[in-house]
Amino acid sequence: MLSVEDPALTLVRSNGMVFLAVIQLLDIHIDSASTQRLPLRLLHEPNIRIRVQVLSLACMDMSHQPDGPNWEWTGLFEVGAGNSGLRDIEGNWVDAINPVVQARSQGLNVGATTYAFRTAELRAMAAILYERLKQDIHRLPTLLSTNTFPYRSEGGV
């Protein structure tokens, strides 16, 4: 099941390129009816629309250990006038993710529970999304570039 407030993934355009965005689901619509939960098997059906917001992530570990998460949600969201395209996206543009849950090391409420992600998993899922959506890249929502998006480490990677 995928529920409102769950994290998920989508692709967006920014600065003329395509990037992975980690999102939080705000609303799920089946046809015109709003629902709080959706079976994953229905996510890519043509009658599914989802309103989302983009999570602000920070790199917390540059060692890139394969088993450890190295990105965490700071508790903040990406903002900007160009982000309005994320209000109503197709379910086919979204994939579920099962993040690690751990104590936040930076951002809002340090020590609070937050989501953490592995670079290798994010890259693999971005490639899968890109393969599925490559013919619709021109239709993806545009996200304004900020100091925290597209996601990058202190070294710019």
N, C-alpha and C. Protein backbone atom coordinates (compact mmCIF):
# COMPACT_ATOMS: atom_id res chain seq x y z
N MET A 1 0.84 -1.19 0.00
CA MET A 1 0.00 0.00 0.00
C MET A 1 0.88 1.25 0.00
N LEU A 2 0.41 2.24 -0.66
CA LEU A 2 1.04 3.56 -0.66
C LEU A 2 0.04 4.50 -0.02
N SER A 3 0.49 5.28 0.95
CA SER A 3 -0.41 6.15 1.70
C SER A 3 0.02 7.61 1.62
N VAL A 4 -0.94 8.50 1.85
CA VAL A 4 -0.64 9.92 1.96
C VAL A 4 0.42 10.08 3.05
N GLU A 5 1.38 10.94 2.83
CA GLU A 5 2.54 11.25 3.67
C GLU A 5 3.69 10.27 3.50
N ASP A 6 3.52 9.21 2.70
CA ASP A 6 4.64 8.30 2.43
C ASP A 6 5.65 8.97 1.51
N PRO A 7 6.92 8.57 1.62
CA PRO A 7 7.90 9.03 0.65
C PRO A 7 7.80 8.19 -0.62
N ALA A 8 8.20 8.77 -1.73
CA ALA A 8 8.21 8.08 -3.02
C ALA A 8 9.24 8.79 -3.90
N LEU A 9 9.33 8.37 -5.15
CA LEU A 9 10.30 8.95 -6.07
C LEU A 9 9.61 9.36 -7.37
N THR A 10 10.14 10.39 -8.00
CA THR A 10 9.70 10.80 -9.33
C THR A 10 10.87 11.47 -10.03
N LEU A 11 10.71 11.73 -11.29
CA LEU A 11 11.69 12.50 -12.05
C LEU A 11 11.14 13.89 -12.30
N VAL A 12 12.02 14.87 -12.31
CA VAL A 12 11.65 16.26 -12.62
C VAL A 12 12.71 16.83 -13.55
N ARG A 13 12.37 17.92 -14.19
CA ARG A 13 13.34 18.66 -14.99
C ARG A 13 13.79 19.87 -14.19
N SER A 14 15.08 20.18 -14.30
CA SER A 14 15.64 21.37 -13.67
C SER A 14 16.88 21.76 -14.46
N ASN A 15 16.99 23.03 -14.78
CA ASN A 15 18.14 23.52 -15.55
C ASN A 15 18.34 22.75 -16.85
N GLY A 16 17.24 22.34 -17.49
CA GLY A 16 17.33 21.66 -18.76
C GLY A 16 17.75 20.20 -18.68
N MET A 17 17.85 19.64 -17.48
CA MET A 17 18.24 18.25 -17.30
C MET A 17 17.19 17.53 -16.46
N VAL A 18 17.30 16.20 -16.40
CA VAL A 18 16.37 15.38 -15.64
C VAL A 18 17.04 14.91 -14.36
N PHE A 19 16.31 15.04 -13.24
CA PHE A 19 16.84 14.65 -11.94
C PHE A 19 15.80 13.83 -11.17
N LEU A 20 16.30 13.01 -10.28
CA LEU A 20 15.44 12.27 -9.37
C LEU A 20 15.04 13.20 -8.24
N ALA A 21 13.78 13.13 -7.83
CA ALA A 21 13.30 13.88 -6.68
C ALA A 21 12.64 12.90 -5.70
N VAL A 22 12.99 13.01 -4.44
CA VAL A 22 12.33 12.24 -3.40
C VAL A 22 11.16 13.09 -2.94
N ILE A 23 9.99 12.51 -2.96
CA ILE A 23 8.76 13.27 -2.72
C ILE A 23 7.97 12.69 -1.54
N GLN A 24 7.07 13.51 -1.04
CA GLN A 24 6.09 13.06 -0.05
C GLN A 24 4.72 13.21 -0.68
N LEU A 25 3.91 12.18 -0.58
CA LEU A 25 2.57 12.22 -1.16
C LEU A 25 1.65 13.07 -0.28
N LEU A 26 0.98 14.02 -0.91
CA LEU A 26 0.05 14.88 -0.18
C LEU A 26 -1.40 14.47 -0.41
N ASP A 27 -1.67 13.95 -1.60
CA ASP A 27 -3.03 13.58 -1.95
C ASP A 27 -2.98 12.57 -3.08
N ILE A 28 -3.86 11.59 -3.04
CA ILE A 28 -3.95 10.56 -4.07
C ILE A 28 -5.37 10.59 -4.62
N HIS A 29 -5.49 10.62 -5.94
CA HIS A 29 -6.80 10.62 -6.59
C HIS A 29 -6.94 9.43 -7.51
N ILE A 30 -8.03 8.71 -7.35
CA ILE A 30 -8.43 7.67 -8.30
C ILE A 30 -9.62 8.26 -9.03
N ASP A 31 -9.46 8.51 -10.33
CA ASP A 31 -10.41 9.30 -11.10
C ASP A 31 -10.52 10.65 -10.40
N SER A 32 -11.67 11.03 -9.93
CA SER A 32 -11.79 12.33 -9.25
C SER A 32 -11.95 12.18 -7.74
N ALA A 33 -11.88 10.95 -7.24
CA ALA A 33 -12.08 10.70 -5.81
C ALA A 33 -10.75 10.67 -5.07
N SER A 34 -10.67 11.42 -4.00
CA SER A 34 -9.48 11.45 -3.16
C SER A 34 -9.48 10.23 -2.24
N THR A 35 -8.29 9.68 -2.03
CA THR A 35 -8.16 8.53 -1.13
C THR A 35 -6.88 8.69 -0.31
N GLN A 36 -6.84 8.07 0.85
CA GLN A 36 -5.67 8.13 1.72
C GLN A 36 -4.66 7.03 1.42
N ARG A 37 -5.13 5.93 0.80
CA ARG A 37 -4.27 4.77 0.55
C ARG A 37 -4.55 4.21 -0.83
N LEU A 38 -3.50 3.64 -1.42
CA LEU A 38 -3.63 3.07 -2.76
C LEU A 38 -2.82 1.78 -2.82
N PRO A 39 -3.42 0.68 -3.28
CA PRO A 39 -2.62 -0.52 -3.48
C PRO A 39 -1.54 -0.25 -4.54
N LEU A 40 -0.32 -0.70 -4.29
CA LEU A 40 0.78 -0.44 -5.22
C LEU A 40 0.49 -0.94 -6.63
N ARG A 41 -0.28 -2.00 -6.76
CA ARG A 41 -0.58 -2.54 -8.08
C ARG A 41 -1.38 -1.56 -8.94
N LEU A 42 -2.00 -0.56 -8.32
CA LEU A 42 -2.79 0.44 -9.07
C LEU A 42 -2.01 1.72 -9.38
N LEU A 43 -0.84 1.88 -8.79
CA LEU A 43 -0.11 3.15 -8.88
C LEU A 43 0.11 3.62 -10.31
N HIS A 44 0.41 2.74 -11.23
CA HIS A 44 0.75 3.15 -12.59
C HIS A 44 -0.45 3.12 -13.54
N GLU A 45 -1.65 2.98 -13.01
CA GLU A 45 -2.85 3.02 -13.85
C GLU A 45 -3.10 4.45 -14.35
N PRO A 46 -3.71 4.60 -15.53
CA PRO A 46 -3.87 5.94 -16.12
C PRO A 46 -4.83 6.87 -15.37
N ASN A 47 -5.66 6.36 -14.48
CA ASN A 47 -6.62 7.20 -13.76
C ASN A 47 -6.10 7.67 -12.40
N ILE A 48 -4.81 7.46 -12.12
CA ILE A 48 -4.23 7.85 -10.82
C ILE A 48 -3.49 9.17 -10.98
N ARG A 49 -3.82 10.13 -10.13
CA ARG A 49 -3.13 11.43 -10.07
C ARG A 49 -2.69 11.64 -8.63
N ILE A 50 -1.52 12.27 -8.47
CA ILE A 50 -0.96 12.43 -7.13
C ILE A 50 -0.43 13.85 -6.97
N ARG A 51 -0.73 14.45 -5.83
CA ARG A 51 -0.16 15.76 -5.47
C ARG A 51 0.97 15.48 -4.49
N VAL A 52 2.12 16.12 -4.73
CA VAL A 52 3.32 15.82 -3.94
C VAL A 52 4.06 17.10 -3.57
N GLN A 53 5.00 16.95 -2.64
CA GLN A 53 5.99 17.98 -2.36
C GLN A 53 7.35 17.29 -2.32
N VAL A 54 8.39 18.03 -2.68
CA VAL A 54 9.73 17.47 -2.78
C VAL A 54 10.46 17.63 -1.45
N LEU A 55 11.02 16.51 -0.97
CA LEU A 55 11.78 16.53 0.28
C LEU A 55 13.15 17.16 0.04
N SER A 56 13.60 17.92 0.99
CA SER A 56 14.96 18.46 0.97
C SER A 56 15.87 17.43 1.64
N LEU A 57 16.84 16.93 0.90
CA LEU A 57 17.77 15.93 1.42
C LEU A 57 19.13 16.54 1.64
N ALA A 58 19.87 15.99 2.57
CA ALA A 58 21.26 16.40 2.81
C ALA A 58 22.12 15.16 2.85
N CYS A 59 23.31 15.28 2.30
CA CYS A 59 24.27 14.18 2.33
C CYS A 59 24.84 14.10 3.75
N MET A 60 24.81 12.92 4.34
CA MET A 60 25.29 12.77 5.71
C MET A 60 26.50 11.87 5.80
N ASP A 61 26.86 11.21 4.68
CA ASP A 61 28.00 10.29 4.70
C ASP A 61 28.59 10.22 3.31
N MET A 62 29.80 10.74 3.15
CA MET A 62 30.45 10.77 1.84
C MET A 62 31.25 9.50 1.55
N SER A 63 31.28 8.52 2.46
CA SER A 63 32.08 7.32 2.25
C SER A 63 31.43 6.35 1.26
N HIS A 64 30.13 6.55 0.98
CA HIS A 64 29.39 5.73 0.02
C HIS A 64 29.50 4.23 0.32
N GLN A 65 29.32 3.89 1.57
CA GLN A 65 29.29 2.48 1.95
C GLN A 65 28.05 1.84 1.36
N PRO A 66 28.16 0.66 0.74
CA PRO A 66 27.03 0.08 0.03
C PRO A 66 25.84 -0.27 0.91
N ASP A 67 26.08 -0.59 2.17
CA ASP A 67 24.97 -1.00 3.03
C ASP A 67 24.39 0.11 3.88
N GLY A 68 25.06 1.24 3.94
CA GLY A 68 24.60 2.31 4.81
C GLY A 68 23.94 3.44 4.05
N PRO A 69 22.91 4.03 4.63
CA PRO A 69 22.29 5.19 3.99
C PRO A 69 23.23 6.39 4.08
N ASN A 70 23.21 7.22 3.05
CA ASN A 70 24.09 8.39 3.08
C ASN A 70 23.36 9.69 2.75
N TRP A 71 22.06 9.65 2.61
CA TRP A 71 21.24 10.86 2.45
C TRP A 71 20.11 10.80 3.46
N GLU A 72 19.76 11.95 4.02
CA GLU A 72 18.63 11.97 4.95
C GLU A 72 17.74 13.17 4.67
N TRP A 73 16.46 13.00 5.00
CA TRP A 73 15.50 14.09 4.89
C TRP A 73 15.76 15.04 6.05
N THR A 74 15.93 16.32 5.73
CA THR A 74 16.23 17.33 6.74
C THR A 74 15.00 17.79 7.51
N GLY A 75 13.82 17.35 7.10
CA GLY A 75 12.59 17.83 7.71
C GLY A 75 12.02 19.02 6.95
N LEU A 76 12.76 19.49 5.93
CA LEU A 76 12.33 20.63 5.12
C LEU A 76 11.86 20.15 3.75
N PHE A 77 11.21 21.06 3.03
CA PHE A 77 10.74 20.76 1.68
C PHE A 77 11.32 21.78 0.71
N GLU A 78 11.48 21.37 -0.53
CA GLU A 78 11.93 22.30 -1.57
C GLU A 78 10.77 23.23 -1.91
N VAL A 79 11.09 24.52 -2.06
CA VAL A 79 10.05 25.51 -2.35
C VAL A 79 10.44 26.31 -3.57
N GLY A 80 9.48 27.01 -4.13
CA GLY A 80 9.75 27.88 -5.27
C GLY A 80 8.56 27.93 -6.20
N ALA A 81 8.44 29.02 -6.92
CA ALA A 81 7.31 29.23 -7.82
C ALA A 81 7.25 28.17 -8.91
N GLY A 82 8.39 27.64 -9.33
CA GLY A 82 8.41 26.65 -10.39
C GLY A 82 7.97 25.27 -9.94
N ASN A 83 7.68 25.08 -8.68
CA ASN A 83 7.34 23.76 -8.16
C ASN A 83 5.85 23.46 -8.23
N SER A 84 5.05 24.39 -8.75
CA SER A 84 3.61 24.18 -8.78
C SER A 84 3.21 23.02 -9.68
N GLY A 85 4.09 22.61 -10.62
CA GLY A 85 3.79 21.49 -11.49
C GLY A 85 3.69 20.17 -10.75
N LEU A 86 4.10 20.14 -9.52
CA LEU A 86 4.05 18.91 -8.75
C LEU A 86 2.73 18.75 -8.01
N ARG A 87 1.81 19.60 -8.30
CA ARG A 87 0.51 19.52 -7.62
C ARG A 87 -0.33 18.35 -8.12
N ASP A 88 -0.15 17.99 -9.39
CA ASP A 88 -1.02 16.99 -9.98
C ASP A 88 -0.21 16.20 -11.01
N ILE A 89 0.46 15.15 -10.56
CA ILE A 89 1.28 14.36 -11.48
C ILE A 89 0.66 12.98 -11.68
N GLU A 90 1.02 12.37 -12.77
CA GLU A 90 0.48 11.05 -13.09
C GLU A 90 1.09 9.99 -12.18
N GLY A 91 0.29 9.02 -11.77
CA GLY A 91 0.78 7.94 -10.95
C GLY A 91 1.91 7.16 -11.61
N ASN A 92 1.89 7.10 -12.93
CA ASN A 92 2.93 6.40 -13.67
C ASN A 92 4.30 7.05 -13.49
N TRP A 93 4.34 8.31 -13.09
CA TRP A 93 5.59 9.03 -12.90
C TRP A 93 6.18 8.81 -11.51
N VAL A 94 5.52 8.01 -10.69
CA VAL A 94 5.91 7.83 -9.29
C VAL A 94 6.28 6.36 -9.03
N ASP A 95 7.29 6.15 -8.22
CA ASP A 95 7.62 4.81 -7.73
C ASP A 95 7.75 4.86 -6.22
N ALA A 96 7.34 3.79 -5.58
CA ALA A 96 7.44 3.69 -4.12
C ALA A 96 8.88 3.40 -3.73
N ILE A 97 9.23 3.81 -2.53
CA ILE A 97 10.55 3.51 -1.96
C ILE A 97 10.35 3.17 -0.49
N ASN A 98 11.19 2.30 0.02
CA ASN A 98 11.11 1.89 1.41
C ASN A 98 12.39 2.38 2.09
N PRO A 99 12.40 3.60 2.61
CA PRO A 99 13.63 4.15 3.19
C PRO A 99 13.95 3.56 4.55
N VAL A 100 15.19 3.79 4.96
CA VAL A 100 15.61 3.47 6.32
C VAL A 100 15.02 4.55 7.23
N VAL A 101 14.62 4.20 8.41
CA VAL A 101 14.14 5.18 9.39
C VAL A 101 15.19 5.26 10.50
N GLN A 102 15.65 6.48 10.77
CA GLN A 102 16.71 6.67 11.77
C GLN A 102 16.59 8.06 12.38
N ALA A 103 17.45 8.34 13.34
CA ALA A 103 17.48 9.66 13.97
C ALA A 103 18.13 10.67 13.03
N ARG A 104 17.53 11.84 12.92
CA ARG A 104 18.04 12.91 12.06
C ARG A 104 19.32 13.49 12.65
N SER A 105 20.32 13.70 11.79
CA SER A 105 21.60 14.25 12.25
C SER A 105 21.77 15.71 11.87
N GLN A 106 20.89 16.25 11.03
CA GLN A 106 20.98 17.65 10.61
C GLN A 106 19.62 18.16 10.18
N GLY A 107 19.49 19.47 10.05
CA GLY A 107 18.21 20.05 9.66
C GLY A 107 17.34 20.35 10.86
N LEU A 108 16.03 20.26 10.67
CA LEU A 108 15.06 20.52 11.74
C LEU A 108 15.02 19.38 12.73
N ASN A 109 14.87 19.72 14.00
CA ASN A 109 14.66 18.71 15.05
C ASN A 109 15.68 17.58 15.01
N VAL A 110 16.95 17.92 15.15
CA VAL A 110 18.00 16.91 15.18
C VAL A 110 17.65 15.87 16.25
N GLY A 111 17.79 14.61 15.90
CA GLY A 111 17.44 13.52 16.80
C GLY A 111 16.06 12.95 16.56
N ALA A 112 15.19 13.70 15.87
CA ALA A 112 13.86 13.21 15.54
C ALA A 112 13.98 12.11 14.48
N THR A 113 12.97 11.28 14.38
CA THR A 113 12.95 10.23 13.38
C THR A 113 12.83 10.84 11.99
N THR A 114 13.61 10.31 11.04
CA THR A 114 13.57 10.80 9.67
C THR A 114 13.83 9.65 8.71
N TYR A 115 13.65 9.92 7.42
CA TYR A 115 13.94 8.96 6.38
C TYR A 115 15.38 9.11 5.92
N ALA A 116 16.02 7.98 5.64
CA ALA A 116 17.38 7.98 5.10
C ALA A 116 17.42 7.08 3.87
N PHE A 117 18.29 7.42 2.93
CA PHE A 117 18.32 6.75 1.62
C PHE A 117 19.75 6.39 1.24
N ARG A 118 19.88 5.34 0.45
CA ARG A 118 21.17 4.88 -0.06
C ARG A 118 21.37 5.38 -1.49
N THR A 119 22.54 5.94 -1.78
CA THR A 119 22.84 6.45 -3.11
C THR A 119 22.63 5.39 -4.18
N ALA A 120 23.14 4.20 -3.97
CA ALA A 120 23.03 3.14 -4.98
C ALA A 120 21.58 2.82 -5.30
N GLU A 121 20.73 2.77 -4.28
CA GLU A 121 19.32 2.49 -4.49
C GLU A 121 18.65 3.63 -5.24
N LEU A 122 18.97 4.88 -4.88
CA LEU A 122 18.39 6.03 -5.57
C LEU A 122 18.81 6.05 -7.03
N ARG A 123 20.06 5.77 -7.31
CA ARG A 123 20.54 5.75 -8.70
C ARG A 123 19.84 4.66 -9.51
N ALA A 124 19.70 3.48 -8.93
CA ALA A 124 19.05 2.38 -9.64
C ALA A 124 17.59 2.71 -9.93
N MET A 125 16.91 3.27 -8.96
CA MET A 125 15.50 3.60 -9.16
C MET A 125 15.33 4.74 -10.15
N ALA A 126 16.28 5.69 -10.17
CA ALA A 126 16.24 6.77 -11.16
C ALA A 126 16.37 6.21 -12.57
N ALA A 127 17.25 5.22 -12.74
CA ALA A 127 17.44 4.61 -14.05
C ALA A 127 16.18 3.88 -14.50
N ILE A 128 15.52 3.19 -13.58
CA ILE A 128 14.28 2.48 -13.90
C ILE A 128 13.20 3.48 -14.28
N LEU A 129 13.05 4.54 -13.51
CA LEU A 129 12.06 5.58 -13.83
C LEU A 129 12.36 6.21 -15.19
N TYR A 130 13.62 6.51 -15.45
CA TYR A 130 13.98 7.13 -16.72
C TYR A 130 13.63 6.22 -17.90
N GLU A 131 13.92 4.94 -17.79
CA GLU A 131 13.58 4.01 -18.87
C GLU A 131 12.08 3.99 -19.13
N ARG A 132 11.29 4.02 -18.06
CA ARG A 132 9.84 3.97 -18.21
C ARG A 132 9.29 5.28 -18.77
N LEU A 133 9.93 6.42 -18.43
CA LEU A 133 9.37 7.73 -18.77
C LEU A 133 10.10 8.47 -19.89
N LYS A 134 11.11 7.86 -20.50
CA LYS A 134 11.95 8.60 -21.45
C LYS A 134 11.17 9.23 -22.59
N GLN A 135 10.05 8.67 -22.98
CA GLN A 135 9.26 9.28 -24.05
C GLN A 135 8.38 10.43 -23.55
N ASP A 136 8.26 10.57 -22.24
CA ASP A 136 7.45 11.64 -21.66
C ASP A 136 8.30 12.67 -20.92
N ILE A 137 9.61 12.65 -21.11
CA ILE A 137 10.50 13.57 -20.38
C ILE A 137 10.07 15.02 -20.56
N HIS A 138 9.64 15.39 -21.76
CA HIS A 138 9.22 16.77 -22.03
C HIS A 138 7.98 17.17 -21.23
N ARG A 139 7.24 16.21 -20.71
CA ARG A 139 6.02 16.48 -19.94
C ARG A 139 6.26 16.53 -18.43
N LEU A 140 7.45 16.14 -17.99
CA LEU A 140 7.72 16.12 -16.54
C LEU A 140 7.66 17.52 -15.96
N PRO A 141 7.29 17.64 -14.70
CA PRO A 141 7.25 18.96 -14.07
C PRO A 141 8.65 19.55 -13.95
N THR A 142 8.72 20.88 -13.94
CA THR A 142 9.98 21.59 -13.79
C THR A 142 10.11 22.06 -12.35
N LEU A 143 11.28 21.85 -11.79
CA LEU A 143 11.57 22.27 -10.42
C LEU A 143 12.69 23.29 -10.49
N LEU A 144 12.52 24.41 -9.83
CA LEU A 144 13.56 25.42 -9.82
C LEU A 144 14.78 24.91 -9.07
N SER A 145 15.94 25.27 -9.55
CA SER A 145 17.19 24.92 -8.89
C SER A 145 17.35 25.78 -7.63
N THR A 146 17.78 25.15 -6.53
CA THR A 146 18.02 25.86 -5.28
C THR A 146 19.38 25.43 -4.74
N ASN A 147 19.73 25.89 -3.58
CA ASN A 147 20.98 25.45 -2.94
C ASN A 147 20.94 23.98 -2.55
N THR A 148 19.74 23.41 -2.43
CA THR A 148 19.61 22.03 -1.99
C THR A 148 19.03 21.10 -3.04
N PHE A 149 18.59 21.65 -4.17
CA PHE A 149 18.07 20.81 -5.27
C PHE A 149 18.55 21.35 -6.59
N PRO A 150 19.01 20.53 -7.52
CA PRO A 150 19.16 19.08 -7.45
C PRO A 150 20.07 18.67 -6.30
N TYR A 151 19.79 17.48 -5.77
CA TYR A 151 20.55 16.97 -4.63
C TYR A 151 22.03 16.87 -4.98
N ARG A 152 22.87 17.30 -4.07
CA ARG A 152 24.32 17.19 -4.27
C ARG A 152 25.01 17.22 -2.91
N SER A 153 26.16 16.59 -2.86
CA SER A 153 26.95 16.59 -1.64
C SER A 153 27.76 17.86 -1.57
N GLU A 154 28.50 18.04 -0.48
CA GLU A 154 29.33 19.23 -0.34
C GLU A 154 30.36 19.34 -1.45
N GLY A 155 30.80 18.21 -1.98
CA GLY A 155 31.75 18.20 -3.08
C GLY A 155 31.09 18.45 -4.43
N GLY A 156 29.77 18.66 -4.43
CA GLY A 156 29.05 18.94 -5.66
C GLY A 156 28.56 17.72 -6.39
N VAL A 157 28.74 16.53 -5.83
CA VAL A 157 28.34 15.30 -6.51
C VAL A 157 26.93 14.92 -6.11
